[in-house]
Amino acid sequence: MTSVFDLAPETPVVPVVVIEDAADAVPLARALVAGGLPLIEVTLRTPAALDAVRAIAAEVPDAVVGAGTVVSAAGVAEAVGAGARFLVSPGWTERLLGAMRESGVPFLPGVSTASEVVALLEQGVDAMKFFPAEAAGGVPYLKSLAGPLPRARFCPTGGVSPANARDYLSLPNVGCVGGTWMLPSGALAARDWARVETLAREAAAVRGPVGG
């Protein structure tokens, strides 16, 4: 199966979006795509989330919209039915993993320990979300996993910012990072899509260590 990392391989950052009003979904997605961040994770944390996924899937063809905070088999079905092209979970269970496998779309099950990584590798899953990244050990922890578990690749999310994104992306086992810094609450409240586009462009330019 195609990996989430293959959907937009040149994109280093996945915006993690919380949408309160589905009417904002399309202009927000267009701003992110225009800024160079086509891979968009809409979290299933609000009543508007599924409608937002539907709208982006239907009206922003250059976006690759996915659903995050997927925590149940029912959530998997709803997200894919709404048009999600990838799935992200903060953690995983056997039932949830089975549902994501059966969905037919790429997925990133969440892990925060070496044992969880090994368990997924045993099941043939090598693309994972590392969450909550900073709280779970951050760059040093992922660096320590690269030696014994080289097949695992991660999308760290949770505490990732412009201050540390380059450090994460410099690691050989990191395919991309997820974050919200290009979506400041003030800009969203004001529907300042130009500001979002500018911040997205800056985020899209973050690749590896300075000078590396």
N, C-alpha and C. Protein backbone atom coordinates (compact mmCIF):
# COMPACT_ATOMS: atom_id res chain seq x y z
N MET A 1 0.84 -1.20 0.00
CA MET A 1 0.00 0.00 0.00
C MET A 1 0.88 1.25 0.00
N THR A 2 0.40 2.28 -0.67
CA THR A 2 1.09 3.56 -0.66
C THR A 2 1.18 4.10 0.76
N SER A 3 2.33 4.68 1.09
CA SER A 3 2.52 5.29 2.40
C SER A 3 2.06 6.74 2.38
N VAL A 4 1.69 7.25 3.55
CA VAL A 4 1.38 8.68 3.66
C VAL A 4 2.57 9.50 3.18
N PHE A 5 3.78 9.02 3.43
CA PHE A 5 4.98 9.75 3.03
C PHE A 5 5.12 9.85 1.51
N ASP A 6 4.42 8.99 0.78
CA ASP A 6 4.51 9.00 -0.68
C ASP A 6 3.46 9.90 -1.31
N LEU A 7 2.49 10.37 -0.54
CA LEU A 7 1.40 11.17 -1.11
C LEU A 7 1.88 12.54 -1.58
N ALA A 8 2.80 13.12 -0.86
CA ALA A 8 3.40 14.41 -1.24
C ALA A 8 4.84 14.39 -0.73
N PRO A 9 5.71 13.62 -1.39
CA PRO A 9 7.05 13.35 -0.86
C PRO A 9 7.94 14.58 -0.70
N GLU A 10 7.64 15.65 -1.41
CA GLU A 10 8.45 16.86 -1.29
C GLU A 10 7.95 17.80 -0.20
N THR A 11 6.87 17.42 0.47
CA THR A 11 6.27 18.28 1.49
C THR A 11 6.78 17.91 2.87
N PRO A 12 7.51 18.80 3.55
CA PRO A 12 8.09 18.45 4.84
C PRO A 12 7.15 18.60 6.01
N VAL A 13 6.06 19.38 5.84
CA VAL A 13 5.20 19.71 6.97
C VAL A 13 3.73 19.42 6.62
N VAL A 14 3.05 18.76 7.55
CA VAL A 14 1.62 18.51 7.41
C VAL A 14 0.88 19.44 8.38
N PRO A 15 0.10 20.39 7.87
CA PRO A 15 -0.68 21.23 8.78
C PRO A 15 -1.74 20.39 9.49
N VAL A 16 -1.83 20.54 10.79
CA VAL A 16 -2.83 19.84 11.59
C VAL A 16 -3.93 20.85 11.90
N VAL A 17 -5.07 20.67 11.26
CA VAL A 17 -6.10 21.70 11.21
C VAL A 17 -7.30 21.34 12.09
N VAL A 18 -7.72 22.27 12.91
CA VAL A 18 -8.96 22.14 13.67
C VAL A 18 -9.93 23.17 13.10
N ILE A 19 -11.02 22.71 12.49
CA ILE A 19 -11.97 23.60 11.82
C ILE A 19 -13.27 23.66 12.60
N GLU A 20 -13.61 24.85 13.05
CA GLU A 20 -14.85 25.06 13.79
C GLU A 20 -16.03 25.33 12.88
N ASP A 21 -15.78 25.96 11.73
CA ASP A 21 -16.83 26.34 10.78
C ASP A 21 -16.47 25.75 9.42
N ALA A 22 -17.29 24.86 8.92
CA ALA A 22 -16.99 24.19 7.65
C ALA A 22 -16.86 25.18 6.50
N ALA A 23 -17.46 26.36 6.63
CA ALA A 23 -17.34 27.37 5.57
C ALA A 23 -15.90 27.85 5.41
N ASP A 24 -15.10 27.68 6.44
CA ASP A 24 -13.69 28.11 6.37
C ASP A 24 -12.79 27.08 5.69
N ALA A 25 -13.30 25.87 5.49
CA ALA A 25 -12.44 24.77 5.05
C ALA A 25 -11.80 25.04 3.69
N VAL A 26 -12.58 25.44 2.72
CA VAL A 26 -12.06 25.62 1.36
C VAL A 26 -11.07 26.76 1.26
N PRO A 27 -11.38 27.97 1.75
CA PRO A 27 -10.37 29.03 1.66
C PRO A 27 -9.12 28.73 2.47
N LEU A 28 -9.26 28.05 3.59
CA LEU A 28 -8.10 27.67 4.38
C LEU A 28 -7.23 26.68 3.62
N ALA A 29 -7.86 25.67 3.04
CA ALA A 29 -7.11 24.67 2.27
C ALA A 29 -6.43 25.31 1.07
N ARG A 30 -7.12 26.21 0.40
CA ARG A 30 -6.52 26.88 -0.76
C ARG A 30 -5.29 27.68 -0.35
N ALA A 31 -5.36 28.33 0.81
CA ALA A 31 -4.21 29.11 1.30
C ALA A 31 -3.03 28.19 1.60
N LEU A 32 -3.30 27.05 2.22
CA LEU A 32 -2.22 26.11 2.54
C LEU A 32 -1.59 25.54 1.27
N VAL A 33 -2.42 25.18 0.31
CA VAL A 33 -1.90 24.65 -0.95
C VAL A 33 -1.08 25.71 -1.68
N ALA A 34 -1.59 26.93 -1.71
CA ALA A 34 -0.86 28.01 -2.38
C ALA A 34 0.49 28.26 -1.72
N GLY A 35 0.57 28.01 -0.41
CA GLY A 35 1.82 28.18 0.31
C GLY A 35 2.75 26.99 0.21
N GLY A 36 2.32 25.93 -0.47
CA GLY A 36 3.19 24.78 -0.67
C GLY A 36 2.98 23.63 0.29
N LEU A 37 1.83 23.62 0.99
CA LEU A 37 1.54 22.52 1.92
C LEU A 37 0.24 21.83 1.50
N PRO A 38 0.31 20.94 0.52
CA PRO A 38 -0.91 20.30 0.01
C PRO A 38 -1.46 19.17 0.87
N LEU A 39 -0.60 18.60 1.73
CA LEU A 39 -1.03 17.49 2.58
C LEU A 39 -1.65 18.08 3.84
N ILE A 40 -2.96 17.93 4.01
CA ILE A 40 -3.68 18.63 5.07
C ILE A 40 -4.43 17.63 5.94
N GLU A 41 -4.12 17.65 7.22
CA GLU A 41 -4.80 16.78 8.18
C GLU A 41 -5.88 17.56 8.91
N VAL A 42 -7.14 17.21 8.67
CA VAL A 42 -8.26 17.82 9.38
C VAL A 42 -8.61 16.93 10.56
N THR A 43 -8.46 17.44 11.76
CA THR A 43 -8.70 16.60 12.94
C THR A 43 -10.20 16.45 13.20
N LEU A 44 -10.58 15.25 13.61
CA LEU A 44 -11.99 14.96 13.89
C LEU A 44 -12.33 15.35 15.32
N ARG A 45 -12.10 16.62 15.64
CA ARG A 45 -12.33 17.10 17.00
C ARG A 45 -13.52 18.03 17.10
N THR A 46 -14.11 18.39 15.98
CA THR A 46 -15.23 19.33 15.99
C THR A 46 -16.38 18.78 15.16
N PRO A 47 -17.60 19.26 15.41
CA PRO A 47 -18.74 18.81 14.62
C PRO A 47 -18.60 19.16 13.13
N ALA A 48 -17.78 20.16 12.81
CA ALA A 48 -17.63 20.60 11.42
C ALA A 48 -16.60 19.79 10.65
N ALA A 49 -15.87 18.91 11.33
CA ALA A 49 -14.71 18.28 10.71
C ALA A 49 -15.04 17.47 9.46
N LEU A 50 -16.03 16.60 9.52
CA LEU A 50 -16.34 15.76 8.36
C LEU A 50 -16.85 16.59 7.19
N ASP A 51 -17.65 17.61 7.47
CA ASP A 51 -18.10 18.49 6.39
C ASP A 51 -16.91 19.24 5.79
N ALA A 52 -15.94 19.58 6.62
CA ALA A 52 -14.74 20.25 6.13
C ALA A 52 -13.96 19.33 5.19
N VAL A 53 -13.82 18.07 5.58
CA VAL A 53 -13.13 17.11 4.72
C VAL A 53 -13.86 16.98 3.38
N ARG A 54 -15.18 16.87 3.44
CA ARG A 54 -15.97 16.76 2.20
C ARG A 54 -15.75 17.95 1.29
N ALA A 55 -15.80 19.14 1.88
CA ALA A 55 -15.66 20.36 1.09
C ALA A 55 -14.29 20.45 0.44
N ILE A 56 -13.25 20.17 1.20
CA ILE A 56 -11.89 20.24 0.65
C ILE A 56 -11.71 19.20 -0.45
N ALA A 57 -12.18 17.99 -0.20
CA ALA A 57 -12.05 16.92 -1.20
C ALA A 57 -12.76 17.29 -2.50
N ALA A 58 -13.89 17.96 -2.39
CA ALA A 58 -14.69 18.29 -3.57
C ALA A 58 -14.22 19.54 -4.30
N GLU A 59 -13.68 20.51 -3.55
CA GLU A 59 -13.45 21.83 -4.14
C GLU A 59 -12.00 22.27 -4.23
N VAL A 60 -11.09 21.52 -3.63
CA VAL A 60 -9.67 21.89 -3.68
C VAL A 60 -8.90 20.69 -4.23
N PRO A 61 -8.90 20.53 -5.55
CA PRO A 61 -8.32 19.32 -6.14
C PRO A 61 -6.82 19.16 -5.90
N ASP A 62 -6.12 20.25 -5.67
CA ASP A 62 -4.68 20.15 -5.44
C ASP A 62 -4.33 19.78 -4.00
N ALA A 63 -5.32 19.76 -3.13
CA ALA A 63 -5.09 19.36 -1.75
C ALA A 63 -5.19 17.84 -1.62
N VAL A 64 -4.39 17.30 -0.72
CA VAL A 64 -4.50 15.89 -0.34
C VAL A 64 -5.01 15.90 1.10
N VAL A 65 -6.32 15.80 1.25
CA VAL A 65 -6.93 15.97 2.56
C VAL A 65 -7.04 14.64 3.28
N GLY A 66 -6.67 14.66 4.55
CA GLY A 66 -6.79 13.48 5.39
C GLY A 66 -7.52 13.80 6.67
N ALA A 67 -7.77 12.79 7.47
CA ALA A 67 -8.46 12.96 8.74
C ALA A 67 -7.56 12.52 9.87
N GLY A 68 -7.47 13.37 10.90
CA GLY A 68 -6.69 13.05 12.07
C GLY A 68 -7.56 12.84 13.29
N THR A 69 -6.93 12.47 14.38
CA THR A 69 -7.64 12.11 15.61
C THR A 69 -8.69 11.04 15.33
N VAL A 70 -8.32 10.08 14.50
CA VAL A 70 -9.18 8.93 14.21
C VAL A 70 -8.95 7.90 15.31
N VAL A 71 -9.97 7.61 16.09
CA VAL A 71 -9.78 6.75 17.26
C VAL A 71 -10.74 5.55 17.31
N SER A 72 -11.49 5.32 16.23
CA SER A 72 -12.42 4.20 16.22
C SER A 72 -12.64 3.71 14.80
N ALA A 73 -13.12 2.48 14.69
CA ALA A 73 -13.45 1.93 13.38
C ALA A 73 -14.55 2.75 12.71
N ALA A 74 -15.50 3.23 13.51
CA ALA A 74 -16.56 4.07 12.95
C ALA A 74 -15.99 5.36 12.40
N GLY A 75 -15.02 5.93 13.11
CA GLY A 75 -14.37 7.15 12.64
C GLY A 75 -13.64 6.93 11.33
N VAL A 76 -13.02 5.77 11.18
CA VAL A 76 -12.34 5.42 9.93
C VAL A 76 -13.34 5.44 8.78
N ALA A 77 -14.47 4.77 8.97
CA ALA A 77 -15.48 4.69 7.92
C ALA A 77 -16.04 6.06 7.57
N GLU A 78 -16.30 6.87 8.59
CA GLU A 78 -16.85 8.20 8.34
C GLU A 78 -15.86 9.08 7.60
N ALA A 79 -14.60 9.01 7.99
CA ALA A 79 -13.58 9.85 7.36
C ALA A 79 -13.38 9.48 5.90
N VAL A 80 -13.25 8.20 5.63
CA VAL A 80 -13.06 7.76 4.25
C VAL A 80 -14.30 8.06 3.42
N GLY A 81 -15.47 7.90 4.02
CA GLY A 81 -16.71 8.22 3.32
C GLY A 81 -16.82 9.69 2.96
N ALA A 82 -16.18 10.53 3.78
CA ALA A 82 -16.21 11.97 3.53
C ALA A 82 -15.18 12.40 2.49
N GLY A 83 -14.28 11.49 2.14
CA GLY A 83 -13.28 11.82 1.12
C GLY A 83 -11.86 11.89 1.61
N ALA A 84 -11.61 11.49 2.86
CA ALA A 84 -10.24 11.52 3.38
C ALA A 84 -9.36 10.57 2.59
N ARG A 85 -8.18 11.06 2.22
CA ARG A 85 -7.24 10.26 1.43
C ARG A 85 -6.12 9.67 2.28
N PHE A 86 -6.10 10.00 3.55
CA PHE A 86 -5.21 9.34 4.50
C PHE A 86 -5.79 9.50 5.90
N LEU A 87 -5.32 8.68 6.83
CA LEU A 87 -5.83 8.67 8.19
C LEU A 87 -4.68 8.77 9.18
N VAL A 88 -4.91 9.48 10.28
CA VAL A 88 -3.91 9.63 11.32
C VAL A 88 -4.57 9.39 12.67
N SER A 89 -3.93 8.59 13.51
CA SER A 89 -4.47 8.34 14.84
C SER A 89 -3.42 8.72 15.88
N PRO A 90 -3.86 9.13 17.07
CA PRO A 90 -2.89 9.44 18.13
C PRO A 90 -2.29 8.20 18.78
N GLY A 91 -2.93 7.06 18.58
CA GLY A 91 -2.48 5.78 19.11
C GLY A 91 -3.14 4.69 18.30
N TRP A 92 -3.05 3.45 18.75
CA TRP A 92 -3.70 2.39 17.99
C TRP A 92 -4.04 1.20 18.88
N THR A 93 -5.06 0.47 18.42
CA THR A 93 -5.44 -0.81 19.00
C THR A 93 -5.53 -1.79 17.83
N GLU A 94 -5.66 -3.05 18.13
CA GLU A 94 -5.78 -4.05 17.06
C GLU A 94 -7.01 -3.76 16.20
N ARG A 95 -8.11 -3.40 16.84
CA ARG A 95 -9.34 -3.14 16.08
C ARG A 95 -9.19 -1.92 15.19
N LEU A 96 -8.62 -0.85 15.75
CA LEU A 96 -8.44 0.36 14.96
C LEU A 96 -7.47 0.12 13.82
N LEU A 97 -6.39 -0.58 14.09
CA LEU A 97 -5.42 -0.87 13.05
C LEU A 97 -6.06 -1.69 11.93
N GLY A 98 -6.88 -2.65 12.29
CA GLY A 98 -7.56 -3.45 11.29
C GLY A 98 -8.48 -2.62 10.41
N ALA A 99 -9.20 -1.70 11.04
CA ALA A 99 -10.10 -0.84 10.28
C ALA A 99 -9.33 0.07 9.33
N MET A 100 -8.20 0.59 9.79
CA MET A 100 -7.40 1.46 8.93
C MET A 100 -6.82 0.67 7.76
N ARG A 101 -6.38 -0.55 8.02
CA ARG A 101 -5.88 -1.40 6.94
C ARG A 101 -6.96 -1.64 5.89
N GLU A 102 -8.16 -1.95 6.36
CA GLU A 102 -9.25 -2.30 5.46
C GLU A 102 -9.81 -1.09 4.71
N SER A 103 -9.47 0.12 5.17
CA SER A 103 -10.02 1.32 4.54
C SER A 103 -9.52 1.53 3.13
N GLY A 104 -8.32 0.99 2.84
CA GLY A 104 -7.77 1.15 1.51
C GLY A 104 -6.99 2.44 1.30
N VAL A 105 -6.89 3.29 2.34
CA VAL A 105 -6.12 4.53 2.21
C VAL A 105 -4.92 4.46 3.14
N PRO A 106 -3.86 5.20 2.85
CA PRO A 106 -2.68 5.21 3.73
C PRO A 106 -3.03 5.71 5.12
N PHE A 107 -2.27 5.25 6.11
CA PHE A 107 -2.58 5.64 7.49
C PHE A 107 -1.30 5.73 8.31
N LEU A 108 -1.39 6.55 9.37
CA LEU A 108 -0.29 6.72 10.32
C LEU A 108 -0.82 6.42 11.72
N PRO A 109 -0.62 5.21 12.23
CA PRO A 109 -1.00 4.93 13.60
C PRO A 109 -0.01 5.59 14.56
N GLY A 110 -0.51 6.07 15.67
CA GLY A 110 0.33 6.80 16.61
C GLY A 110 1.10 5.89 17.55
N VAL A 111 2.36 6.26 17.82
CA VAL A 111 3.20 5.54 18.77
C VAL A 111 3.98 6.53 19.62
N SER A 112 4.37 6.08 20.81
CA SER A 112 5.24 6.91 21.65
C SER A 112 6.30 6.08 22.37
N THR A 113 6.31 4.76 22.15
CA THR A 113 7.30 3.90 22.80
C THR A 113 7.90 2.92 21.79
N ALA A 114 9.08 2.41 22.12
CA ALA A 114 9.75 1.44 21.26
C ALA A 114 8.92 0.16 21.11
N SER A 115 8.24 -0.24 22.18
CA SER A 115 7.43 -1.46 22.12
C SER A 115 6.29 -1.31 21.12
N GLU A 116 5.68 -0.13 21.08
CA GLU A 116 4.60 0.11 20.11
C GLU A 116 5.13 0.08 18.69
N VAL A 117 6.33 0.61 18.50
CA VAL A 117 6.94 0.58 17.18
C VAL A 117 7.21 -0.85 16.75
N VAL A 118 7.78 -1.65 17.64
CA VAL A 118 8.07 -3.05 17.32
C VAL A 118 6.79 -3.81 17.00
N ALA A 119 5.74 -3.55 17.76
CA ALA A 119 4.46 -4.23 17.52
C ALA A 119 3.92 -3.92 16.13
N LEU A 120 4.05 -2.67 15.69
CA LEU A 120 3.58 -2.32 14.35
C LEU A 120 4.47 -2.93 13.28
N LEU A 121 5.78 -2.91 13.49
CA LEU A 121 6.68 -3.52 12.52
C LEU A 121 6.38 -5.01 12.36
N GLU A 122 6.02 -5.67 13.45
CA GLU A 122 5.65 -7.09 13.38
C GLU A 122 4.47 -7.31 12.44
N GLN A 123 3.61 -6.29 12.36
CA GLN A 123 2.41 -6.40 11.52
C GLN A 123 2.62 -5.79 10.14
N GLY A 124 3.85 -5.47 9.82
CA GLY A 124 4.15 -4.96 8.49
C GLY A 124 3.89 -3.49 8.29
N VAL A 125 3.69 -2.76 9.38
CA VAL A 125 3.44 -1.32 9.30
C VAL A 125 4.73 -0.59 9.66
N ASP A 126 5.24 0.22 8.74
CA ASP A 126 6.49 0.93 9.02
C ASP A 126 6.35 2.45 8.97
N ALA A 127 5.15 2.97 8.67
CA ALA A 127 4.89 4.41 8.66
C ALA A 127 4.03 4.75 9.88
N MET A 128 4.52 5.64 10.73
CA MET A 128 3.87 5.90 12.01
C MET A 128 3.88 7.38 12.36
N LYS A 129 2.94 7.75 13.20
CA LYS A 129 2.95 9.08 13.80
C LYS A 129 3.64 8.96 15.16
N PHE A 130 4.58 9.85 15.46
CA PHE A 130 5.22 9.88 16.77
C PHE A 130 4.55 10.99 17.57
N PHE A 131 3.78 10.59 18.59
CA PHE A 131 2.95 11.55 19.33
C PHE A 131 2.84 11.14 20.80
N PRO A 132 2.86 12.12 21.70
CA PRO A 132 3.17 13.53 21.50
C PRO A 132 4.68 13.72 21.43
N ALA A 133 5.16 14.22 20.32
CA ALA A 133 6.58 14.15 20.00
C ALA A 133 7.49 14.73 21.09
N GLU A 134 7.29 15.97 21.45
CA GLU A 134 8.19 16.59 22.42
C GLU A 134 8.05 15.95 23.79
N ALA A 135 6.83 15.70 24.22
CA ALA A 135 6.61 15.10 25.53
C ALA A 135 7.14 13.68 25.62
N ALA A 136 7.18 12.98 24.48
CA ALA A 136 7.60 11.58 24.46
C ALA A 136 9.11 11.41 24.27
N GLY A 137 9.85 12.50 24.19
CA GLY A 137 11.30 12.37 24.09
C GLY A 137 11.92 13.13 22.95
N GLY A 138 11.09 13.60 22.01
CA GLY A 138 11.57 14.48 20.97
C GLY A 138 12.65 13.91 20.07
N VAL A 139 13.49 14.81 19.56
CA VAL A 139 14.54 14.45 18.62
C VAL A 139 15.50 13.40 19.19
N PRO A 140 15.97 13.53 20.44
CA PRO A 140 16.89 12.51 20.96
C PRO A 140 16.28 11.11 20.98
N TYR A 141 14.99 11.02 21.30
CA TYR A 141 14.34 9.71 21.35
C TYR A 141 14.27 9.08 19.97
N LEU A 142 13.83 9.87 18.97
CA LEU A 142 13.74 9.33 17.62
C LEU A 142 15.12 8.96 17.08
N LYS A 143 16.11 9.75 17.43
CA LYS A 143 17.48 9.45 16.99
C LYS A 143 17.94 8.11 17.57
N SER A 144 17.54 7.84 18.80
CA SER A 144 17.93 6.59 19.45
C SER A 144 17.22 5.38 18.85
N LEU A 145 16.06 5.59 18.22
CA LEU A 145 15.33 4.48 17.60
C LEU A 145 15.87 4.12 16.23
N ALA A 146 16.56 5.07 15.58
CA ALA A 146 16.99 4.85 14.20
C ALA A 146 17.93 3.66 14.06
N GLY A 147 18.81 3.44 15.05
CA GLY A 147 19.75 2.33 14.97
C GLY A 147 19.08 0.97 15.05
N PRO A 148 18.37 0.68 16.15
CA PRO A 148 17.78 -0.65 16.29
C PRO A 148 16.53 -0.88 15.45
N LEU A 149 15.86 0.19 15.03
CA LEU A 149 14.60 0.04 14.30
C LEU A 149 14.63 0.89 13.02
N PRO A 150 15.55 0.58 12.12
CA PRO A 150 15.74 1.44 10.94
C PRO A 150 14.58 1.43 9.95
N ARG A 151 13.73 0.40 10.00
CA ARG A 151 12.63 0.34 9.03
C ARG A 151 11.51 1.32 9.37
N ALA A 152 11.42 1.73 10.62
CA ALA A 152 10.32 2.61 11.02
C ALA A 152 10.56 4.04 10.56
N ARG A 153 9.52 4.65 10.01
CA ARG A 153 9.58 6.06 9.62
C ARG A 153 8.44 6.79 10.32
N PHE A 154 8.73 8.03 10.70
CA PHE A 154 7.80 8.74 11.57
C PHE A 154 7.40 10.11 11.03
N CYS A 155 6.20 10.52 11.46
CA CYS A 155 5.75 11.90 11.34
C CYS A 155 5.55 12.41 12.76
N PRO A 156 6.55 13.09 13.33
CA PRO A 156 6.41 13.61 14.69
C PRO A 156 5.39 14.74 14.72
N THR A 157 4.52 14.70 15.71
CA THR A 157 3.50 15.73 15.90
C THR A 157 3.30 15.93 17.39
N GLY A 158 3.11 17.18 17.76
CA GLY A 158 2.91 17.48 19.18
C GLY A 158 4.11 18.22 19.73
N GLY A 159 4.03 19.54 19.73
CA GLY A 159 5.15 20.34 20.19
C GLY A 159 6.16 20.67 19.11
N VAL A 160 5.88 20.29 17.87
CA VAL A 160 6.77 20.64 16.76
C VAL A 160 6.51 22.10 16.38
N SER A 161 7.58 22.84 16.14
CA SER A 161 7.48 24.27 15.88
C SER A 161 8.60 24.70 14.95
N PRO A 162 8.61 25.96 14.51
CA PRO A 162 9.72 26.42 13.68
C PRO A 162 11.07 26.28 14.39
N ALA A 163 11.06 26.28 15.71
CA ALA A 163 12.31 26.20 16.47
C ALA A 163 12.95 24.81 16.42
N ASN A 164 12.15 23.77 16.22
CA ASN A 164 12.72 22.42 16.24
C ASN A 164 12.40 21.58 15.01
N ALA A 165 11.59 22.10 14.09
CA ALA A 165 11.18 21.32 12.93
C ALA A 165 12.38 20.86 12.10
N ARG A 166 13.37 21.73 11.93
CA ARG A 166 14.55 21.36 11.15
C ARG A 166 15.30 20.20 11.80
N ASP A 167 15.35 20.20 13.12
CA ASP A 167 16.05 19.13 13.82
C ASP A 167 15.36 17.79 13.60
N TYR A 168 14.04 17.79 13.66
CA TYR A 168 13.30 16.55 13.38
C TYR A 168 13.54 16.09 11.94
N LEU A 169 13.41 17.03 11.00
CA LEU A 169 13.51 16.68 9.59
C LEU A 169 14.91 16.25 9.17
N SER A 170 15.90 16.54 10.01
CA SER A 170 17.27 16.11 9.70
C SER A 170 17.49 14.64 10.02
N LEU A 171 16.56 14.03 10.74
CA LEU A 171 16.72 12.62 11.13
C LEU A 171 16.38 11.70 9.97
N PRO A 172 17.13 10.61 9.80
CA PRO A 172 16.88 9.70 8.68
C PRO A 172 15.56 8.95 8.78
N ASN A 173 15.00 8.85 9.97
CA ASN A 173 13.75 8.10 10.14
C ASN A 173 12.52 9.01 10.23
N VAL A 174 12.66 10.27 9.85
CA VAL A 174 11.53 11.19 9.84
C VAL A 174 11.18 11.55 8.40
N GLY A 175 9.94 11.27 8.01
CA GLY A 175 9.49 11.58 6.66
C GLY A 175 8.89 12.95 6.52
N CYS A 176 8.25 13.43 7.58
CA CYS A 176 7.64 14.75 7.61
C CYS A 176 7.30 15.05 9.06
N VAL A 177 6.87 16.26 9.33
CA VAL A 177 6.40 16.62 10.67
C VAL A 177 5.00 17.20 10.56
N GLY A 178 4.26 17.12 11.66
CA GLY A 178 2.94 17.72 11.70
C GLY A 178 2.94 18.88 12.68
N GLY A 179 2.21 19.93 12.35
CA GLY A 179 2.20 21.08 13.25
C GLY A 179 1.07 22.04 12.98
N THR A 180 0.97 23.03 13.85
CA THR A 180 -0.11 24.01 13.77
C THR A 180 0.39 25.43 13.69
N TRP A 181 1.71 25.62 13.68
CA TRP A 181 2.23 26.99 13.82
C TRP A 181 1.88 27.88 12.63
N MET A 182 1.55 27.30 11.48
CA MET A 182 1.16 28.11 10.33
C MET A 182 -0.33 28.46 10.37
N LEU A 183 -0.98 28.10 11.46
CA LEU A 183 -2.42 28.32 11.63
C LEU A 183 -2.70 29.04 12.94
N PRO A 184 -2.13 30.22 13.15
CA PRO A 184 -2.35 30.93 14.42
C PRO A 184 -3.82 31.28 14.61
N SER A 185 -4.27 31.20 15.85
CA SER A 185 -5.69 31.40 16.13
C SER A 185 -6.18 32.78 15.67
N GLY A 186 -5.33 33.78 15.80
CA GLY A 186 -5.74 35.12 15.38
C GLY A 186 -6.03 35.20 13.90
N ALA A 187 -5.16 34.56 13.10
CA ALA A 187 -5.36 34.57 11.65
C ALA A 187 -6.61 33.80 11.27
N LEU A 188 -6.87 32.69 11.94
CA LEU A 188 -8.06 31.91 11.64
C LEU A 188 -9.32 32.66 12.03
N ALA A 189 -9.29 33.30 13.20
CA ALA A 189 -10.46 34.05 13.65
C ALA A 189 -10.78 35.20 12.71
N ALA A 190 -9.73 35.83 12.18
CA ALA A 190 -9.91 36.96 11.27
C ALA A 190 -10.08 36.51 9.82
N ARG A 191 -10.00 35.21 9.60
CA ARG A 191 -10.05 34.66 8.24
C ARG A 191 -9.01 35.33 7.35
N ASP A 192 -7.82 35.49 7.92
CA ASP A 192 -6.71 36.12 7.21
C ASP A 192 -5.96 35.03 6.44
N TRP A 193 -6.53 34.66 5.31
CA TRP A 193 -5.96 33.56 4.54
C TRP A 193 -4.62 33.94 3.92
N ALA A 194 -4.41 35.21 3.66
CA ALA A 194 -3.11 35.64 3.14
C ALA A 194 -2.01 35.38 4.16
N ARG A 195 -2.30 35.62 5.42
CA ARG A 195 -1.35 35.35 6.48
C ARG A 195 -1.06 33.85 6.57
N VAL A 196 -2.10 33.04 6.47
CA VAL A 196 -1.91 31.59 6.51
C VAL A 196 -1.04 31.15 5.33
N GLU A 197 -1.28 31.70 4.16
CA GLU A 197 -0.48 31.34 2.99
C GLU A 197 0.99 31.69 3.20
N THR A 198 1.25 32.87 3.76
CA THR A 198 2.62 33.29 4.01
C THR A 198 3.32 32.35 4.99
N LEU A 199 2.63 32.01 6.08
CA LEU A 199 3.21 31.11 7.07
C LEU A 199 3.39 29.71 6.50
N ALA A 200 2.46 29.28 5.65
CA ALA A 200 2.60 27.97 5.01
C ALA A 200 3.82 27.95 4.11
N ARG A 201 4.05 29.03 3.39
CA ARG A 201 5.21 29.09 2.51
C ARG A 201 6.51 29.00 3.31
N GLU A 202 6.53 29.68 4.44
CA GLU A 202 7.71 29.61 5.30
C GLU A 202 7.91 28.18 5.83
N ALA A 203 6.82 27.54 6.21
CA ALA A 203 6.92 26.17 6.73
C ALA A 203 7.37 25.20 5.64
N ALA A 204 6.91 25.42 4.43
CA ALA A 204 7.27 24.53 3.33
C ALA A 204 8.74 24.60 3.00
N ALA A 205 9.38 25.70 3.41
CA ALA A 205 10.81 25.88 3.13
C ALA A 205 11.70 25.25 4.18
N VAL A 206 11.11 24.69 5.22
CA VAL A 206 11.89 24.10 6.31
C VAL A 206 12.29 22.68 5.91
N ARG A 207 13.58 22.48 5.72
CA ARG A 207 14.08 21.15 5.32
C ARG A 207 15.45 20.93 5.93
N GLY A 208 15.54 20.02 6.88
CA GLY A 208 16.83 19.62 7.42
C GLY A 208 17.52 20.74 8.19
N PRO A 209 18.71 20.51 8.68
CA PRO A 209 19.44 21.48 9.50
C PRO A 209 19.97 22.62 8.65
N VAL A 210 20.15 23.75 9.27
CA VAL A 210 20.71 24.90 8.58
C VAL A 210 22.08 24.52 8.05
N GLY A 211 22.28 24.73 6.76
CA GLY A 211 23.56 24.41 6.16
C GLY A 211 23.74 22.93 5.86
N GLY A 212 22.69 22.11 6.18
CA GLY A 212 22.84 20.67 5.95
C GLY A 212 22.16 20.21 4.70
